[in-house]
Amino acid sequence: MRIQTFIFGVVQTNCYVISNEITGEAIIIDPADNPDSIKNIVEQQNLKPVAILLTHGHFDHMMAAPELAAFYNISIYVSEAEKELVKDPKMNAAFLIRSDFSLTADNYFHHNELLSFIGKNIRAIHTPGHTVGSTCFYFEDESILISGDTLFYESLGRTDLPTGNSADILNSIKENLLCLPEEVVVYPGHGEKTTIGNEKRNNPYLSEANFWD
């Protein structure tokens, strides 16, 4: 399995193209706002996209999704809990760039659902807090977590946009992410990658004395 990170958009969003190096099948996670660049990457590497997965429904993670889905005739997947958020520019934060961008996904998944693409099993871990339907994608066999805007390198996602909740994001990280093996590599929605172990030891937002109670 190959993971490639591409940074697109006004807030430097990490778009991930994850492919099976044998079959060439690929999934696109959080395609920001540059569909032509993503098409060029796919073409140059002779990849075969099979699905678009969204960690959550903010505009900066999905503006290229409709064009890519139509071009490759593939489906867009997002959490059932994000169904309304992706449709509403006031909720998906597109209003921040004076856009009325709206999206309707093709398929909706739920917490702990096991997705299967490119010959890999991907567990959808619901981590509400950044948004109500924020989800991390866990490739257990590869010890890889795509964390969206829930967990960053020694930081975590903002909670001041619609459906965000500070208590929820801390609880999500504690209950659903820090229980993963420390060697799991975390690929976030913005910034550099990290590991679960590093975040346990060094993330200042997770270091309060009562956090581990």
N, C-alpha and C. Protein backbone atom coordinates (compact mmCIF):
# COMPACT_ATOMS: atom_id res chain seq x y z
N MET A 1 0.84 -1.18 0.00
CA MET A 1 0.00 0.00 0.00
C MET A 1 0.88 1.25 0.00
N ARG A 2 0.53 2.20 -0.82
CA ARG A 2 1.29 3.45 -0.91
C ARG A 2 0.43 4.62 -0.49
N ILE A 3 0.95 5.46 0.39
CA ILE A 3 0.25 6.67 0.83
C ILE A 3 0.99 7.88 0.29
N GLN A 4 0.28 8.71 -0.44
CA GLN A 4 0.87 9.95 -0.94
C GLN A 4 0.07 11.13 -0.39
N THR A 5 0.78 12.15 0.05
CA THR A 5 0.16 13.34 0.62
C THR A 5 0.36 14.52 -0.33
N PHE A 6 -0.75 15.20 -0.61
CA PHE A 6 -0.69 16.39 -1.46
C PHE A 6 -1.41 17.52 -0.74
N ILE A 7 -0.81 18.69 -0.74
CA ILE A 7 -1.37 19.82 0.00
C ILE A 7 -2.03 20.78 -0.97
N PHE A 8 -3.33 21.01 -0.76
CA PHE A 8 -4.11 21.87 -1.64
C PHE A 8 -4.94 22.85 -0.82
N GLY A 9 -5.33 23.94 -1.47
CA GLY A 9 -6.36 24.81 -0.91
C GLY A 9 -5.87 25.95 -0.06
N VAL A 10 -6.82 26.82 0.28
CA VAL A 10 -6.50 28.06 0.99
C VAL A 10 -6.02 27.83 2.41
N VAL A 11 -6.34 26.67 2.99
CA VAL A 11 -5.87 26.39 4.35
C VAL A 11 -4.95 25.17 4.38
N GLN A 12 -4.31 24.90 3.23
CA GLN A 12 -3.26 23.87 3.17
C GLN A 12 -3.75 22.52 3.71
N THR A 13 -4.77 22.00 3.06
CA THR A 13 -5.36 20.72 3.47
C THR A 13 -4.57 19.55 2.89
N ASN A 14 -4.37 18.54 3.71
CA ASN A 14 -3.73 17.31 3.25
C ASN A 14 -4.75 16.43 2.52
N CYS A 15 -4.49 16.20 1.25
CA CYS A 15 -5.28 15.25 0.46
C CYS A 15 -4.43 13.99 0.34
N TYR A 16 -5.04 12.84 0.61
CA TYR A 16 -4.31 11.58 0.55
C TYR A 16 -4.79 10.72 -0.62
N VAL A 17 -3.83 10.25 -1.38
CA VAL A 17 -4.10 9.27 -2.43
C VAL A 17 -3.45 7.97 -1.97
N ILE A 18 -4.27 6.99 -1.66
CA ILE A 18 -3.77 5.73 -1.12
C ILE A 18 -4.05 4.64 -2.13
N SER A 19 -3.01 3.94 -2.52
CA SER A 19 -3.16 2.99 -3.63
C SER A 19 -2.57 1.62 -3.31
N ASN A 20 -3.12 0.64 -4.00
CA ASN A 20 -2.59 -0.72 -3.97
C ASN A 20 -1.51 -0.79 -5.05
N GLU A 21 -0.28 -1.02 -4.65
CA GLU A 21 0.82 -0.96 -5.59
C GLU A 21 0.81 -2.11 -6.60
N ILE A 22 0.02 -3.14 -6.34
CA ILE A 22 -0.06 -4.26 -7.27
C ILE A 22 -1.17 -4.04 -8.30
N THR A 23 -2.35 -3.66 -7.82
CA THR A 23 -3.50 -3.52 -8.72
C THR A 23 -3.64 -2.12 -9.31
N GLY A 24 -3.05 -1.12 -8.65
CA GLY A 24 -3.20 0.26 -9.11
C GLY A 24 -4.48 0.92 -8.65
N GLU A 25 -5.35 0.18 -7.95
CA GLU A 25 -6.57 0.79 -7.42
C GLU A 25 -6.21 1.81 -6.35
N ALA A 26 -7.01 2.88 -6.28
CA ALA A 26 -6.70 3.96 -5.33
C ALA A 26 -7.96 4.54 -4.73
N ILE A 27 -7.83 5.02 -3.50
CA ILE A 27 -8.88 5.82 -2.89
C ILE A 27 -8.32 7.22 -2.68
N ILE A 28 -9.20 8.20 -2.76
CA ILE A 28 -8.83 9.59 -2.55
C ILE A 28 -9.52 10.06 -1.28
N ILE A 29 -8.74 10.49 -0.32
CA ILE A 29 -9.29 10.94 0.97
C ILE A 29 -9.14 12.45 1.07
N ASP A 30 -10.25 13.12 1.30
CA ASP A 30 -10.30 14.57 1.50
C ASP A 30 -9.69 15.37 0.33
N PRO A 31 -10.29 15.24 -0.86
CA PRO A 31 -9.80 16.02 -2.01
C PRO A 31 -10.18 17.48 -1.86
N ALA A 32 -9.22 18.31 -1.59
CA ALA A 32 -9.49 19.70 -1.25
C ALA A 32 -10.12 20.46 -2.41
N ASP A 33 -9.38 21.24 -3.14
CA ASP A 33 -10.04 22.10 -4.13
C ASP A 33 -9.31 22.17 -5.46
N ASN A 34 -8.53 21.13 -5.79
CA ASN A 34 -7.75 21.18 -7.02
C ASN A 34 -7.94 19.88 -7.81
N PRO A 35 -9.11 19.69 -8.39
CA PRO A 35 -9.37 18.42 -9.09
C PRO A 35 -8.42 18.16 -10.24
N ASP A 36 -8.00 19.20 -10.96
CA ASP A 36 -7.11 18.99 -12.10
C ASP A 36 -5.75 18.43 -11.66
N SER A 37 -5.24 18.91 -10.56
CA SER A 37 -3.97 18.38 -10.05
C SER A 37 -4.10 16.92 -9.65
N ILE A 38 -5.22 16.59 -9.01
CA ILE A 38 -5.44 15.20 -8.60
C ILE A 38 -5.59 14.30 -9.83
N LYS A 39 -6.29 14.78 -10.84
CA LYS A 39 -6.41 14.01 -12.08
C LYS A 39 -5.03 13.77 -12.70
N ASN A 40 -4.18 14.78 -12.69
CA ASN A 40 -2.84 14.64 -13.25
C ASN A 40 -2.03 13.59 -12.50
N ILE A 41 -2.16 13.60 -11.18
CA ILE A 41 -1.45 12.60 -10.36
C ILE A 41 -1.92 11.19 -10.71
N VAL A 42 -3.23 11.04 -10.80
CA VAL A 42 -3.81 9.74 -11.13
C VAL A 42 -3.34 9.27 -12.51
N GLU A 43 -3.36 10.18 -13.47
CA GLU A 43 -2.97 9.83 -14.84
C GLU A 43 -1.49 9.48 -14.93
N GLN A 44 -0.65 10.29 -14.31
CA GLN A 44 0.80 10.07 -14.38
C GLN A 44 1.20 8.74 -13.75
N GLN A 45 0.45 8.32 -12.74
CA GLN A 45 0.80 7.08 -12.04
C GLN A 45 -0.06 5.89 -12.49
N ASN A 46 -0.91 6.14 -13.47
CA ASN A 46 -1.76 5.07 -14.02
C ASN A 46 -2.59 4.40 -12.92
N LEU A 47 -3.17 5.22 -12.06
CA LEU A 47 -3.99 4.71 -10.96
C LEU A 47 -5.45 4.58 -11.39
N LYS A 48 -6.19 3.78 -10.64
CA LYS A 48 -7.60 3.56 -10.91
C LYS A 48 -8.41 3.90 -9.65
N PRO A 49 -8.89 5.15 -9.53
CA PRO A 49 -9.67 5.52 -8.35
C PRO A 49 -10.94 4.69 -8.24
N VAL A 50 -11.25 4.26 -7.00
CA VAL A 50 -12.44 3.45 -6.79
C VAL A 50 -13.42 4.11 -5.80
N ALA A 51 -12.97 5.12 -5.04
CA ALA A 51 -13.85 5.77 -4.07
C ALA A 51 -13.21 7.04 -3.55
N ILE A 52 -14.06 7.95 -3.07
CA ILE A 52 -13.63 9.15 -2.37
C ILE A 52 -14.17 9.06 -0.95
N LEU A 53 -13.28 9.16 0.02
CA LEU A 53 -13.68 9.13 1.42
C LEU A 53 -13.44 10.50 2.05
N LEU A 54 -14.41 10.95 2.84
CA LEU A 54 -14.29 12.23 3.53
C LEU A 54 -14.20 11.99 5.03
N THR A 55 -13.21 12.60 5.67
CA THR A 55 -13.12 12.49 7.12
C THR A 55 -14.19 13.33 7.81
N HIS A 56 -14.59 14.42 7.15
CA HIS A 56 -15.67 15.26 7.67
C HIS A 56 -16.10 16.20 6.55
N GLY A 57 -17.10 17.02 6.84
CA GLY A 57 -17.75 17.77 5.79
C GLY A 57 -17.39 19.22 5.63
N HIS A 58 -16.24 19.66 6.10
CA HIS A 58 -15.85 21.04 5.87
C HIS A 58 -15.38 21.25 4.43
N PHE A 59 -15.67 22.43 3.90
CA PHE A 59 -15.42 22.72 2.49
C PHE A 59 -13.99 22.42 2.06
N ASP A 60 -13.02 22.69 2.94
CA ASP A 60 -11.62 22.58 2.54
C ASP A 60 -11.16 21.14 2.38
N HIS A 61 -12.03 20.20 2.73
CA HIS A 61 -11.70 18.78 2.58
C HIS A 61 -12.49 18.10 1.46
N MET A 62 -13.32 18.86 0.74
CA MET A 62 -14.21 18.15 -0.19
C MET A 62 -14.57 18.90 -1.46
N MET A 63 -14.02 20.09 -1.70
CA MET A 63 -14.51 20.87 -2.84
C MET A 63 -14.21 20.22 -4.20
N ALA A 64 -13.18 19.40 -4.27
CA ALA A 64 -12.88 18.72 -5.54
C ALA A 64 -13.66 17.42 -5.70
N ALA A 65 -14.35 17.00 -4.65
CA ALA A 65 -14.98 15.67 -4.67
C ALA A 65 -16.04 15.50 -5.76
N PRO A 66 -16.97 16.44 -5.95
CA PRO A 66 -17.99 16.22 -6.99
C PRO A 66 -17.41 16.04 -8.38
N GLU A 67 -16.44 16.88 -8.74
CA GLU A 67 -15.86 16.77 -10.08
C GLU A 67 -15.11 15.45 -10.26
N LEU A 68 -14.36 15.05 -9.25
CA LEU A 68 -13.62 13.80 -9.34
C LEU A 68 -14.56 12.59 -9.38
N ALA A 69 -15.61 12.64 -8.58
CA ALA A 69 -16.57 11.53 -8.56
C ALA A 69 -17.23 11.37 -9.93
N ALA A 70 -17.59 12.48 -10.53
CA ALA A 70 -18.22 12.42 -11.85
C ALA A 70 -17.24 11.96 -12.92
N PHE A 71 -16.01 12.46 -12.86
CA PHE A 71 -15.01 12.14 -13.88
C PHE A 71 -14.64 10.66 -13.87
N TYR A 72 -14.50 10.09 -12.67
CA TYR A 72 -14.10 8.68 -12.55
C TYR A 72 -15.29 7.73 -12.33
N ASN A 73 -16.49 8.31 -12.25
CA ASN A 73 -17.69 7.51 -12.01
C ASN A 73 -17.55 6.67 -10.73
N ILE A 74 -17.17 7.35 -9.65
CA ILE A 74 -17.00 6.69 -8.37
C ILE A 74 -17.86 7.40 -7.32
N SER A 75 -18.01 6.77 -6.17
CA SER A 75 -18.89 7.29 -5.13
C SER A 75 -18.13 8.05 -4.06
N ILE A 76 -18.85 8.98 -3.43
CA ILE A 76 -18.35 9.76 -2.30
C ILE A 76 -18.94 9.18 -1.02
N TYR A 77 -18.08 8.91 -0.04
CA TYR A 77 -18.50 8.33 1.24
C TYR A 77 -18.22 9.32 2.37
N VAL A 78 -19.19 9.46 3.27
CA VAL A 78 -19.01 10.30 4.44
C VAL A 78 -19.88 9.73 5.57
N SER A 79 -19.61 10.13 6.78
CA SER A 79 -20.41 9.67 7.92
C SER A 79 -21.87 10.09 7.79
N GLU A 80 -22.75 9.22 8.21
CA GLU A 80 -24.19 9.53 8.23
C GLU A 80 -24.44 10.80 9.05
N ALA A 81 -23.64 11.00 10.09
CA ALA A 81 -23.83 12.17 10.96
C ALA A 81 -23.46 13.49 10.28
N GLU A 82 -22.76 13.43 9.14
CA GLU A 82 -22.38 14.64 8.40
C GLU A 82 -23.35 14.95 7.26
N LYS A 83 -24.40 14.17 7.13
CA LYS A 83 -25.29 14.26 5.97
C LYS A 83 -25.81 15.67 5.73
N GLU A 84 -26.24 16.34 6.78
CA GLU A 84 -26.78 17.69 6.63
C GLU A 84 -25.67 18.72 6.52
N LEU A 85 -24.58 18.51 7.23
CA LEU A 85 -23.50 19.48 7.23
C LEU A 85 -22.89 19.67 5.84
N VAL A 86 -22.67 18.57 5.12
CA VAL A 86 -22.02 18.71 3.80
C VAL A 86 -22.90 19.46 2.81
N LYS A 87 -24.20 19.47 3.05
CA LYS A 87 -25.14 20.12 2.13
C LYS A 87 -25.26 21.61 2.35
N ASP A 88 -24.90 22.09 3.54
CA ASP A 88 -25.22 23.46 3.95
C ASP A 88 -23.96 24.32 4.03
N PRO A 89 -23.81 25.32 3.16
CA PRO A 89 -22.61 26.18 3.18
C PRO A 89 -22.39 26.89 4.51
N LYS A 90 -23.46 27.15 5.25
CA LYS A 90 -23.31 27.80 6.54
C LYS A 90 -22.74 26.83 7.58
N MET A 91 -23.01 25.55 7.40
CA MET A 91 -22.51 24.55 8.33
C MET A 91 -21.15 23.99 7.90
N ASN A 92 -20.94 23.85 6.59
CA ASN A 92 -19.67 23.27 6.13
C ASN A 92 -18.56 24.31 6.01
N ALA A 93 -18.86 25.52 6.44
CA ALA A 93 -17.89 26.63 6.54
C ALA A 93 -17.49 27.23 5.21
N ALA A 94 -18.17 26.86 4.14
CA ALA A 94 -17.87 27.47 2.84
C ALA A 94 -18.13 28.98 2.86
N PHE A 95 -18.99 29.43 3.76
CA PHE A 95 -19.28 30.86 3.86
C PHE A 95 -18.02 31.65 4.21
N LEU A 96 -17.04 31.00 4.81
CA LEU A 96 -15.80 31.69 5.19
C LEU A 96 -15.02 32.17 3.97
N ILE A 97 -15.23 31.51 2.83
CA ILE A 97 -14.57 31.95 1.59
C ILE A 97 -15.61 32.49 0.60
N ARG A 98 -16.75 32.89 1.15
CA ARG A 98 -17.83 33.48 0.36
C ARG A 98 -18.29 32.55 -0.76
N SER A 99 -18.41 31.28 -0.41
CA SER A 99 -18.85 30.27 -1.36
C SER A 99 -20.15 29.66 -0.88
N ASP A 100 -20.96 29.19 -1.84
CA ASP A 100 -22.19 28.48 -1.48
C ASP A 100 -22.04 26.99 -1.78
N PHE A 101 -20.82 26.48 -1.67
CA PHE A 101 -20.53 25.07 -2.00
C PHE A 101 -21.39 24.13 -1.16
N SER A 102 -21.93 23.15 -1.84
CA SER A 102 -22.78 22.14 -1.20
C SER A 102 -22.49 20.79 -1.84
N LEU A 103 -22.61 19.75 -1.06
CA LEU A 103 -22.33 18.41 -1.57
C LEU A 103 -23.34 17.41 -1.02
N THR A 104 -23.74 16.48 -1.86
CA THR A 104 -24.56 15.34 -1.42
C THR A 104 -23.75 14.08 -1.68
N ALA A 105 -23.46 13.34 -0.63
CA ALA A 105 -22.67 12.12 -0.77
C ALA A 105 -23.52 10.99 -1.37
N ASP A 106 -22.83 9.97 -1.84
CA ASP A 106 -23.52 8.81 -2.42
C ASP A 106 -23.77 7.73 -1.39
N ASN A 107 -22.86 7.61 -0.43
CA ASN A 107 -22.96 6.56 0.58
C ASN A 107 -22.58 7.11 1.95
N TYR A 108 -23.22 6.56 2.98
CA TYR A 108 -22.99 7.01 4.34
C TYR A 108 -22.61 5.82 5.22
N PHE A 109 -21.58 6.01 6.03
CA PHE A 109 -21.15 4.94 6.93
C PHE A 109 -21.41 5.34 8.38
N HIS A 110 -21.23 4.37 9.28
CA HIS A 110 -21.48 4.57 10.70
C HIS A 110 -20.25 4.19 11.51
N HIS A 111 -20.28 4.52 12.79
CA HIS A 111 -19.15 4.23 13.67
C HIS A 111 -18.80 2.75 13.66
N ASN A 112 -17.52 2.48 13.53
CA ASN A 112 -16.96 1.13 13.59
C ASN A 112 -17.28 0.28 12.37
N GLU A 113 -17.86 0.91 11.35
CA GLU A 113 -18.15 0.16 10.14
C GLU A 113 -16.84 -0.17 9.42
N LEU A 114 -16.78 -1.39 8.89
CA LEU A 114 -15.59 -1.82 8.18
C LEU A 114 -15.81 -1.63 6.68
N LEU A 115 -15.01 -0.75 6.10
CA LEU A 115 -15.06 -0.49 4.67
C LEU A 115 -13.97 -1.31 3.98
N SER A 116 -14.20 -1.67 2.75
CA SER A 116 -13.22 -2.47 2.02
C SER A 116 -12.97 -1.87 0.65
N PHE A 117 -11.76 -1.34 0.46
CA PHE A 117 -11.34 -0.76 -0.82
C PHE A 117 -9.88 -1.12 -1.06
N ILE A 118 -9.48 -1.15 -2.30
CA ILE A 118 -8.11 -1.41 -2.76
C ILE A 118 -7.50 -2.66 -2.11
N GLY A 119 -8.34 -3.61 -1.75
CA GLY A 119 -7.86 -4.83 -1.13
C GLY A 119 -7.51 -4.67 0.34
N LYS A 120 -7.95 -3.57 0.96
CA LYS A 120 -7.64 -3.30 2.36
C LYS A 120 -8.92 -3.10 3.16
N ASN A 121 -8.87 -3.47 4.44
CA ASN A 121 -9.96 -3.19 5.36
C ASN A 121 -9.68 -1.86 6.06
N ILE A 122 -10.70 -1.02 6.10
CA ILE A 122 -10.58 0.32 6.67
C ILE A 122 -11.70 0.50 7.68
N ARG A 123 -11.34 0.69 8.94
CA ARG A 123 -12.37 0.88 9.96
C ARG A 123 -12.69 2.36 10.11
N ALA A 124 -13.97 2.70 10.03
CA ALA A 124 -14.42 4.08 10.21
C ALA A 124 -14.67 4.32 11.70
N ILE A 125 -13.82 5.11 12.32
CA ILE A 125 -13.93 5.40 13.75
C ILE A 125 -14.55 6.78 13.93
N HIS A 126 -15.75 6.82 14.46
CA HIS A 126 -16.46 8.08 14.67
C HIS A 126 -15.79 8.86 15.80
N THR A 127 -15.38 10.09 15.50
CA THR A 127 -14.69 10.92 16.50
C THR A 127 -15.31 12.31 16.52
N PRO A 128 -16.53 12.44 17.01
CA PRO A 128 -17.18 13.76 17.04
C PRO A 128 -16.40 14.77 17.87
N GLY A 129 -16.52 16.03 17.49
CA GLY A 129 -15.86 17.09 18.24
C GLY A 129 -15.48 18.23 17.32
N HIS A 130 -14.68 17.94 16.31
CA HIS A 130 -14.39 18.97 15.31
C HIS A 130 -15.67 19.27 14.54
N THR A 131 -16.35 18.22 14.13
CA THR A 131 -17.74 18.28 13.66
C THR A 131 -18.45 17.08 14.26
N VAL A 132 -19.75 17.08 14.16
CA VAL A 132 -20.52 16.00 14.79
C VAL A 132 -20.26 14.65 14.13
N GLY A 133 -19.88 14.65 12.86
CA GLY A 133 -19.67 13.38 12.18
C GLY A 133 -18.23 13.11 11.80
N SER A 134 -17.30 13.83 12.40
CA SER A 134 -15.89 13.60 12.08
C SER A 134 -15.51 12.13 12.27
N THR A 135 -14.73 11.63 11.34
CA THR A 135 -14.36 10.21 11.33
C THR A 135 -12.90 10.05 11.01
N CYS A 136 -12.25 9.09 11.67
CA CYS A 136 -10.88 8.71 11.35
C CYS A 136 -10.91 7.35 10.66
N PHE A 137 -10.04 7.17 9.71
CA PHE A 137 -9.97 5.91 8.96
C PHE A 137 -8.74 5.13 9.42
N TYR A 138 -9.00 3.92 9.96
CA TYR A 138 -7.95 3.12 10.56
C TYR A 138 -7.64 1.90 9.69
N PHE A 139 -6.43 1.87 9.17
CA PHE A 139 -5.92 0.72 8.43
C PHE A 139 -5.15 -0.13 9.44
N GLU A 140 -5.86 -1.02 10.11
CA GLU A 140 -5.27 -1.75 11.23
C GLU A 140 -4.07 -2.60 10.81
N ASP A 141 -4.18 -3.30 9.71
CA ASP A 141 -3.09 -4.18 9.28
C ASP A 141 -1.83 -3.41 8.92
N GLU A 142 -1.99 -2.14 8.55
CA GLU A 142 -0.85 -1.31 8.17
C GLU A 142 -0.43 -0.35 9.28
N SER A 143 -1.16 -0.35 10.41
CA SER A 143 -0.87 0.56 11.53
C SER A 143 -0.87 2.01 11.09
N ILE A 144 -1.93 2.38 10.37
CA ILE A 144 -2.05 3.74 9.84
C ILE A 144 -3.42 4.29 10.19
N LEU A 145 -3.45 5.55 10.61
CA LEU A 145 -4.69 6.24 10.92
C LEU A 145 -4.74 7.55 10.15
N ILE A 146 -5.81 7.75 9.37
CA ILE A 146 -6.06 9.05 8.73
C ILE A 146 -7.00 9.79 9.67
N SER A 147 -6.51 10.85 10.30
CA SER A 147 -7.24 11.44 11.43
C SER A 147 -8.07 12.67 11.10
N GLY A 148 -8.04 13.13 9.83
CA GLY A 148 -8.82 14.32 9.52
C GLY A 148 -8.40 15.48 10.40
N ASP A 149 -9.38 16.26 10.88
CA ASP A 149 -9.08 17.40 11.74
C ASP A 149 -9.38 17.11 13.21
N THR A 150 -9.35 15.82 13.56
CA THR A 150 -9.54 15.45 14.97
C THR A 150 -8.23 15.55 15.73
N LEU A 151 -7.20 14.88 15.24
CA LEU A 151 -5.91 14.84 15.94
C LEU A 151 -4.81 15.29 15.00
N PHE A 152 -4.03 16.27 15.45
CA PHE A 152 -2.88 16.78 14.71
C PHE A 152 -1.59 16.46 15.46
N TYR A 153 -0.47 16.79 14.83
CA TYR A 153 0.82 16.68 15.50
C TYR A 153 0.83 17.61 16.71
N GLU A 154 0.78 17.02 17.90
CA GLU A 154 0.80 17.73 19.18
C GLU A 154 -0.25 18.83 19.26
N SER A 155 -1.40 18.56 18.68
CA SER A 155 -2.51 19.50 18.73
C SER A 155 -3.79 18.74 18.41
N LEU A 156 -4.88 19.47 18.29
CA LEU A 156 -6.15 18.85 17.91
C LEU A 156 -7.00 19.89 17.17
N GLY A 157 -8.12 19.42 16.63
CA GLY A 157 -8.93 20.27 15.77
C GLY A 157 -9.70 21.36 16.51
N ARG A 158 -9.98 22.43 15.79
CA ARG A 158 -10.78 23.52 16.35
C ARG A 158 -12.22 23.04 16.56
N THR A 159 -12.91 23.69 17.47
CA THR A 159 -14.28 23.26 17.79
C THR A 159 -15.26 24.43 17.78
N ASP A 160 -14.87 25.54 17.14
CA ASP A 160 -15.70 26.74 17.17
C ASP A 160 -16.57 26.91 15.92
N LEU A 161 -16.58 25.91 15.03
CA LEU A 161 -17.43 25.96 13.85
C LEU A 161 -18.69 25.12 14.11
N PRO A 162 -19.71 25.23 13.26
CA PRO A 162 -20.96 24.52 13.51
C PRO A 162 -20.78 23.04 13.80
N THR A 163 -21.44 22.57 14.82
CA THR A 163 -21.47 21.20 15.37
C THR A 163 -20.19 20.83 16.10
N GLY A 164 -19.24 21.75 16.25
CA GLY A 164 -18.03 21.46 17.01
C GLY A 164 -18.32 21.45 18.51
N ASN A 165 -17.52 20.68 19.26
CA ASN A 165 -17.73 20.59 20.71
C ASN A 165 -16.41 20.19 21.37
N SER A 166 -15.91 21.03 22.26
CA SER A 166 -14.60 20.80 22.88
C SER A 166 -14.55 19.55 23.74
N ALA A 167 -15.60 19.34 24.53
CA ALA A 167 -15.62 18.14 25.38
C ALA A 167 -15.68 16.88 24.53
N ASP A 168 -16.43 16.94 23.44
CA ASP A 168 -16.57 15.76 22.59
C ASP A 168 -15.26 15.37 21.92
N ILE A 169 -14.50 16.37 21.44
CA ILE A 169 -13.27 16.02 20.74
C ILE A 169 -12.25 15.40 21.69
N LEU A 170 -12.18 15.90 22.91
CA LEU A 170 -11.27 15.30 23.89
C LEU A 170 -11.69 13.89 24.23
N ASN A 171 -12.99 13.70 24.40
CA ASN A 171 -13.48 12.36 24.71
C ASN A 171 -13.25 11.40 23.55
N SER A 172 -13.46 11.89 22.32
CA SER A 172 -13.24 11.05 21.15
C SER A 172 -11.80 10.57 21.07
N ILE A 173 -10.87 11.49 21.31
CA ILE A 173 -9.45 11.14 21.24
C ILE A 173 -9.10 10.15 22.34
N LYS A 174 -9.58 10.42 23.53
CA LYS A 174 -9.27 9.55 24.67
C LYS A 174 -9.85 8.16 24.49
N GLU A 175 -11.12 8.09 24.12
CA GLU A 175 -11.81 6.80 24.09
C GLU A 175 -11.55 6.00 22.81
N ASN A 176 -11.33 6.68 21.69
CA ASN A 176 -11.29 5.97 20.41
C ASN A 176 -9.95 5.98 19.69
N LEU A 177 -9.04 6.88 20.07
CA LEU A 177 -7.76 6.96 19.37
C LEU A 177 -6.57 6.58 20.23
N LEU A 178 -6.50 7.08 21.45
CA LEU A 178 -5.33 6.79 22.27
C LEU A 178 -5.29 5.35 22.76
N CYS A 179 -6.37 4.61 22.52
CA CYS A 179 -6.38 3.18 22.84
C CYS A 179 -5.71 2.36 21.74
N LEU A 180 -5.40 2.99 20.61
CA LEU A 180 -4.74 2.29 19.52
C LEU A 180 -3.27 2.07 19.87
N PRO A 181 -2.61 1.12 19.21
CA PRO A 181 -1.18 0.89 19.51
C PRO A 181 -0.34 2.14 19.30
N GLU A 182 0.67 2.32 20.14
CA GLU A 182 1.48 3.53 20.10
C GLU A 182 2.22 3.70 18.78
N GLU A 183 2.48 2.59 18.09
CA GLU A 183 3.24 2.69 16.84
C GLU A 183 2.40 3.12 15.65
N VAL A 184 1.08 3.25 15.83
CA VAL A 184 0.22 3.67 14.73
C VAL A 184 0.64 5.05 14.24
N VAL A 185 0.86 5.16 12.93
CA VAL A 185 1.24 6.44 12.33
C VAL A 185 -0.02 7.22 11.98
N VAL A 186 -0.07 8.47 12.41
CA VAL A 186 -1.25 9.32 12.24
C VAL A 186 -0.99 10.33 11.12
N TYR A 187 -1.86 10.29 10.11
CA TYR A 187 -1.80 11.24 9.00
C TYR A 187 -2.97 12.22 9.17
N PRO A 188 -2.70 13.46 9.55
CA PRO A 188 -3.77 14.41 9.86
C PRO A 188 -4.27 15.19 8.65
N GLY A 189 -5.32 15.97 8.87
CA GLY A 189 -5.90 16.78 7.81
C GLY A 189 -5.08 18.00 7.45
N HIS A 190 -4.19 18.41 8.35
CA HIS A 190 -3.29 19.53 8.11
C HIS A 190 -1.98 19.25 8.85
N GLY A 191 -0.89 19.68 8.29
CA GLY A 191 0.38 19.54 8.99
C GLY A 191 1.03 18.18 8.84
N GLU A 192 2.07 17.97 9.65
CA GLU A 192 2.90 16.78 9.52
C GLU A 192 2.32 15.58 10.26
N LYS A 193 2.79 14.40 9.88
CA LYS A 193 2.31 13.18 10.50
C LYS A 193 2.91 13.01 11.89
N THR A 194 2.34 12.10 12.66
CA THR A 194 2.80 11.85 14.02
C THR A 194 2.50 10.38 14.34
N THR A 195 2.57 10.03 15.61
CA THR A 195 2.20 8.68 16.05
C THR A 195 1.30 8.79 17.27
N ILE A 196 0.57 7.73 17.52
CA ILE A 196 -0.27 7.71 18.73
C ILE A 196 0.61 7.85 19.97
N GLY A 197 1.75 7.18 19.99
CA GLY A 197 2.63 7.26 21.15
C GLY A 197 3.14 8.67 21.39
N ASN A 198 3.51 9.36 20.34
CA ASN A 198 3.98 10.74 20.50
C ASN A 198 2.89 11.63 21.08
N GLU A 199 1.66 11.43 20.61
CA GLU A 199 0.57 12.28 21.10
C GLU A 199 0.25 11.99 22.56
N LYS A 200 0.36 10.75 22.97
CA LYS A 200 0.15 10.41 24.38
C LYS A 200 1.16 11.13 25.27
N ARG A 201 2.39 11.21 24.80
CA ARG A 201 3.46 11.76 25.63
C ARG A 201 3.62 13.28 25.52
N ASN A 202 3.31 13.83 24.34
CA ASN A 202 3.72 15.22 24.09
C ASN A 202 2.61 16.20 23.70
N ASN A 203 1.40 15.72 23.49
CA ASN A 203 0.34 16.63 23.09
C ASN A 203 -0.15 17.42 24.30
N PRO A 204 0.07 18.74 24.34
CA PRO A 204 -0.28 19.51 25.53
C PRO A 204 -1.77 19.52 25.83
N TYR A 205 -2.62 19.31 24.83
CA TYR A 205 -4.06 19.30 25.06
C TYR A 205 -4.52 18.02 25.75
N LEU A 206 -3.65 17.02 25.78
CA LEU A 206 -4.02 15.74 26.37
C LEU A 206 -3.28 15.47 27.67
N SER A 207 -2.64 16.48 28.23
CA SER A 207 -1.75 16.25 29.36
C SER A 207 -2.31 16.69 30.71
N GLU A 208 -3.57 17.15 30.73
CA GLU A 208 -4.14 17.55 32.02
C GLU A 208 -4.13 16.37 32.98
N ALA A 209 -3.98 16.68 34.25
CA ALA A 209 -3.82 15.63 35.25
C ALA A 209 -4.99 14.66 35.29
N ASN A 210 -6.20 15.16 34.99
CA ASN A 210 -7.39 14.31 35.09
C ASN A 210 -7.73 13.64 33.78
N PHE A 211 -6.93 13.85 32.73
CA PHE A 211 -7.32 13.34 31.40
C PHE A 211 -7.35 11.82 31.37
N TRP A 212 -6.46 11.20 32.14
CA TRP A 212 -6.34 9.73 32.09
C TRP A 212 -7.19 9.04 33.15
N ASP A 213 -7.96 9.81 33.91
CA ASP A 213 -8.79 9.18 34.95
C ASP A 213 -9.89 8.33 34.36
